[in-house]
Amino acid sequence: MKKQNKTNKKTNTKSLVLITAGITLLVAIFVLFINNKSENQELTNHPNIDNQPTMGDKNASVSLVEFGDYKCPSCKAWNEIIYPKLKADFIDTGKLKFTYINVLFHGEESALGAAAGEAVYKQDPDAYWKFHKQLFEEQPKELHDDLWITPEKVAEVSKEYVPEINQDKFKSDISSEEVTQEVEKDASLVKEFKVEQTPSIIINGTMLEDPFNYEEISRIINDQLEAEEE
């Protein structure tokens, strides 16, 4: 009888340990889930996109802003992997407006790329997106830190991919006061929104922790659309 009681005690103790371990694991998973959900940063406001390159329905209730840099390999990857899905699912369907804001984390080349884009936009907002796409494509897959955004390169891209704009005006506008002010305005937004990495994505005032998580991007956009319908 004593042996049986001892065995029962051991069994009960073992079961209690397993149950406790199971509960601890569930709590850990729950905490991890909550932490992952809270990694996105809720901001007090959304970037002002007035006079910024923006595509999609201007009346769309959801606004996504990409803070990017033409010298940034992650931005190149984002525009090759995430952007096409975003365009097909939300921009072309009129559910989302998409804005690009320049970041100058790589110095003079970043500034030149930004100024070149702004110079195209100044003449033809629609042509801007062709130039924008091609300048990212021109970024070398290797040795991207080497000098490649040069006056010759941006002139070449402009002439070949946006021949509809005045090329002489494009070259002079790059160093104009108006374009310089637009680039400086972007730099002010980068500072205001404490952008520390590129690309950084903000959707209706929510900055994403992981700009490459398309499932999360879609979820936030759909949540915003559903909230608008309520």
Protein backbone atom coordinates (compact mmCIF):
# COMPACT_ATOMS: atom_id res chain seq x y z
CA MET A 1 0.00 0.00 0.00
CA LYS A 2 2.86 2.34 0.86
CA LYS A 3 4.51 1.54 -2.48
CA GLN A 4 1.31 2.39 -4.36
CA ASN A 5 0.96 5.74 -2.56
CA LYS A 6 4.56 6.55 -3.34
CA THR A 7 4.02 5.71 -7.00
CA ASN A 8 0.87 7.82 -7.13
CA LYS A 9 2.73 10.75 -5.60
CA LYS A 10 5.49 10.44 -8.20
CA THR A 11 2.93 10.26 -11.00
CA ASN A 12 1.03 13.29 -9.68
CA THR A 13 4.24 15.26 -9.28
CA LYS A 14 5.34 14.39 -12.82
CA SER A 15 1.92 15.38 -14.20
CA LEU A 16 2.05 18.68 -12.31
CA VAL A 17 5.51 19.44 -13.71
CA LEU A 18 4.32 18.70 -17.26
CA ILE A 19 1.19 20.84 -16.83
CA THR A 20 3.26 23.70 -15.38
CA ALA A 21 5.75 23.43 -18.26
CA GLY A 22 2.89 23.45 -20.75
CA ILE A 23 1.32 26.54 -19.20
CA THR A 24 4.71 28.28 -19.14
CA LEU A 25 5.19 27.50 -22.84
CA LEU A 26 1.73 28.83 -23.72
CA VAL A 27 2.38 32.02 -21.75
CA ALA A 28 5.74 32.45 -23.51
CA ILE A 29 4.10 31.98 -26.91
CA PHE A 30 1.36 34.44 -25.98
CA VAL A 31 3.86 37.06 -24.81
CA LEU A 32 5.92 36.58 -27.96
CA PHE A 33 2.78 36.99 -30.05
CA ILE A 34 1.82 40.19 -28.23
CA ASN A 35 5.35 41.56 -28.59
CA ASN A 36 5.39 40.78 -32.31
CA LYS A 37 2.04 42.51 -32.75
CA SER A 38 3.31 45.61 -30.94
CA GLU A 39 6.54 45.95 -32.92
CA ASN A 40 4.82 48.22 -35.43
CA GLN A 41 4.99 51.80 -34.19
CA GLU A 42 1.80 53.83 -33.92
CA LEU A 43 2.72 57.42 -34.76
CA THR A 44 0.91 60.59 -33.73
CA ASN A 45 0.47 61.62 -37.36
CA HIS A 46 1.11 60.61 -40.98
CA PRO A 47 3.65 62.26 -43.34
CA ASN A 48 2.35 65.22 -45.33
CA ILE A 49 2.28 63.98 -48.93
CA ASP A 50 1.25 67.27 -50.57
CA ASN A 51 3.33 67.84 -53.74
CA GLN A 52 5.12 64.52 -53.21
CA PRO A 53 5.32 61.87 -55.98
CA THR A 54 2.13 59.88 -55.39
CA MET A 55 0.41 57.22 -57.48
CA GLY A 56 -3.03 55.70 -57.16
CA ASP A 57 -6.45 57.18 -56.46
CA LYS A 58 -5.89 60.54 -54.76
CA ASN A 59 -9.15 59.98 -52.86
CA ALA A 60 -8.07 56.59 -51.48
CA SER A 61 -8.51 56.51 -47.71
CA VAL A 62 -5.32 54.52 -47.13
CA SER A 63 -1.93 56.15 -47.70
CA LEU A 64 1.35 54.22 -47.78
CA VAL A 65 4.62 56.14 -47.72
CA GLU A 66 7.97 54.60 -48.57
CA PHE A 67 11.06 56.38 -47.25
CA GLY A 68 13.75 55.11 -49.61
CA ASP A 69 17.23 55.72 -50.98
CA TYR A 70 18.34 54.89 -54.54
CA LYS A 71 21.71 53.75 -53.15
CA CYS A 72 20.10 51.31 -50.73
CA PRO A 73 20.15 47.61 -51.80
CA SER A 74 17.23 46.80 -49.49
CA CYS A 75 15.17 49.52 -51.21
CA LYS A 76 16.02 47.97 -54.57
CA ALA A 77 14.87 44.59 -53.25
CA TRP A 78 11.66 46.07 -51.79
CA ASN A 79 10.80 47.69 -55.10
CA GLU A 80 11.41 44.41 -56.94
CA ILE A 81 9.67 42.08 -54.47
CA ILE A 82 7.01 43.96 -52.49
CA TYR A 83 6.02 46.90 -54.68
CA PRO A 84 4.65 44.84 -57.64
CA LYS A 85 2.31 42.94 -55.28
CA LEU A 86 1.27 46.19 -53.61
CA LYS A 87 0.54 47.79 -56.97
CA ALA A 88 -1.52 44.88 -58.26
CA ASP A 89 -3.50 44.29 -55.07
CA PHE A 90 -4.12 47.79 -53.78
CA ILE A 91 -2.84 50.68 -55.96
CA ASP A 92 -4.30 49.59 -59.29
CA THR A 93 -7.58 48.66 -57.58
CA GLY A 94 -7.99 52.18 -56.20
CA LYS A 95 -7.71 51.13 -52.56
CA LEU A 96 -4.35 52.76 -51.82
CA LYS A 97 -2.27 55.80 -52.69
CA PHE A 98 1.50 55.29 -52.68
CA THR A 99 4.08 57.99 -52.03
CA TYR A 100 7.87 57.95 -52.26
CA ILE A 101 10.01 60.21 -50.05
CA ASN A 102 13.78 60.46 -50.51
CA VAL A 103 16.27 59.53 -47.80
CA LEU A 104 19.88 60.69 -48.09
CA PHE A 105 21.71 58.12 -45.98
CA HIS A 106 24.45 57.55 -48.59
CA GLY A 107 25.62 61.10 -49.06
CA GLU A 108 26.15 62.87 -52.37
CA GLU A 109 24.98 59.99 -54.56
CA SER A 110 21.71 59.73 -52.64
CA ALA A 111 21.25 63.49 -52.95
CA LEU A 112 21.92 63.41 -56.69
CA GLY A 113 19.50 60.53 -57.24
CA ALA A 114 16.85 62.37 -55.22
CA ALA A 115 17.41 65.62 -57.13
CA ALA A 116 17.23 63.82 -60.47
CA GLY A 117 13.92 62.23 -59.51
CA GLU A 118 12.54 65.57 -58.35
CA ALA A 119 13.69 67.20 -61.61
CA VAL A 120 11.74 64.62 -63.62
CA TYR A 121 8.72 65.01 -61.36
CA LYS A 122 8.82 68.79 -61.79
CA GLN A 123 8.31 68.37 -65.54
CA ASP A 124 6.09 65.28 -65.69
CA PRO A 125 4.70 63.51 -62.58
CA ASP A 126 3.78 60.44 -64.64
CA ALA A 127 7.26 60.15 -66.15
CA TYR A 128 8.69 60.26 -62.64
CA TRP A 129 7.64 56.67 -61.91
CA LYS A 130 9.41 55.32 -64.99
CA PHE A 131 12.58 57.12 -63.99
CA HIS A 132 12.20 56.00 -60.38
CA LYS A 133 11.84 52.33 -61.37
CA GLN A 134 14.76 52.41 -63.78
CA LEU A 135 17.16 54.16 -61.40
CA PHE A 136 16.63 51.35 -58.89
CA GLU A 137 17.22 48.82 -61.67
CA GLU A 138 20.50 50.54 -62.52
CA GLN A 139 21.79 49.92 -58.99
CA PRO A 140 24.52 47.23 -59.24
CA LYS A 141 23.59 43.92 -57.63
CA GLU A 142 27.15 43.76 -56.33
CA LEU A 143 29.51 46.56 -55.32
CA HIS A 144 26.52 48.87 -54.84
CA ASP A 145 28.66 51.00 -52.52
CA ASP A 146 30.88 51.91 -55.45
CA LEU A 147 30.22 55.22 -57.22
CA TRP A 148 27.41 54.72 -59.74
CA ILE A 149 24.90 57.57 -59.31
CA THR A 150 26.65 60.19 -61.41
CA PRO A 151 25.46 63.12 -63.54
CA GLU A 152 26.19 60.95 -66.57
CA LYS A 153 24.13 58.05 -65.24
CA VAL A 154 21.02 60.06 -64.37
CA ALA A 155 21.22 61.85 -67.74
CA GLU A 156 21.48 58.48 -69.50
CA VAL A 157 18.47 57.07 -67.63
CA SER A 158 16.45 60.20 -68.28
CA LYS A 159 17.24 60.29 -72.00
CA GLU A 160 16.50 56.59 -72.56
CA TYR A 161 13.51 56.01 -70.29
CA VAL A 162 11.76 59.39 -70.11
CA PRO A 163 12.52 60.96 -73.50
CA GLU A 164 9.22 62.86 -73.31
CA ILE A 165 10.72 65.43 -70.93
CA ASN A 166 13.03 68.26 -71.98
CA GLN A 167 16.51 66.89 -71.32
CA ASP A 168 18.28 70.25 -71.14
CA LYS A 169 15.74 71.50 -68.61
CA PHE A 170 16.14 68.25 -66.65
CA LYS A 171 19.91 68.79 -66.35
CA SER A 172 19.54 72.41 -65.24
CA ASP A 173 16.70 71.65 -62.82
CA ILE A 174 18.79 69.12 -60.89
CA SER A 175 20.80 71.93 -59.32
CA SER A 176 17.95 74.47 -59.20
CA GLU A 177 16.77 76.10 -55.99
CA GLU A 178 13.28 74.66 -56.41
CA VAL A 179 14.51 71.07 -56.63
CA THR A 180 16.98 71.62 -53.79
CA GLN A 181 14.10 72.78 -51.60
CA GLU A 182 12.10 69.64 -52.42
CA VAL A 183 15.03 67.43 -51.46
CA GLU A 184 15.48 69.39 -48.23
CA LYS A 185 11.75 69.01 -47.50
CA ASP A 186 12.19 65.23 -47.72
CA ALA A 187 15.18 65.43 -45.38
CA SER A 188 12.99 67.31 -42.89
CA LEU A 189 10.35 64.56 -43.05
CA VAL A 190 13.03 61.93 -42.46
CA LYS A 191 14.05 63.81 -39.33
CA GLU A 192 10.48 64.49 -38.20
CA PHE A 193 9.49 60.83 -38.43
CA LYS A 194 12.78 59.57 -37.02
CA VAL A 195 13.49 57.35 -40.00
CA GLU A 196 16.52 55.25 -39.14
CA GLN A 197 16.48 52.58 -41.84
CA THR A 198 15.59 52.22 -45.48
CA PRO A 199 13.14 51.31 -46.65
CA SER A 200 10.82 52.53 -43.93
CA ILE A 201 7.11 52.08 -44.56
CA ILE A 202 4.32 54.10 -42.94
CA ILE A 203 0.66 53.19 -43.51
CA ASN A 204 -1.90 55.70 -42.21
CA GLY A 205 0.36 56.65 -39.32
CA THR A 206 1.70 53.17 -38.54
CA MET A 207 5.40 52.54 -39.14
CA LEU A 208 6.11 48.90 -39.92
CA GLU A 209 8.79 46.99 -38.08
CA ASP A 210 9.39 44.70 -41.09
CA PRO A 211 8.86 46.38 -44.49
CA PHE A 212 9.22 43.01 -46.23
CA ASN A 213 6.32 41.35 -44.39
CA TYR A 214 3.71 41.60 -47.14
CA GLU A 215 1.16 39.68 -45.10
CA GLU A 216 1.38 42.35 -42.40
CA ILE A 217 1.25 45.17 -44.96
CA SER A 218 -1.91 43.64 -46.45
CA ARG A 219 -3.46 43.15 -43.01
CA ILE A 220 -2.95 46.77 -42.01
CA ILE A 221 -4.32 48.08 -45.31
CA ASN A 222 -7.37 45.82 -45.14
CA ASP A 223 -7.99 46.76 -41.50
CA GLN A 224 -7.92 50.43 -42.47
CA LEU A 225 -10.30 49.80 -45.37
CA GLU A 226 -12.71 47.90 -43.15
CA ALA A 227 -12.61 50.63 -40.51
CA GLU A 228 -13.47 53.18 -43.21
CA GLU A 229 -16.57 51.17 -44.18
CA GLU A 230 -17.91 50.96 -40.63
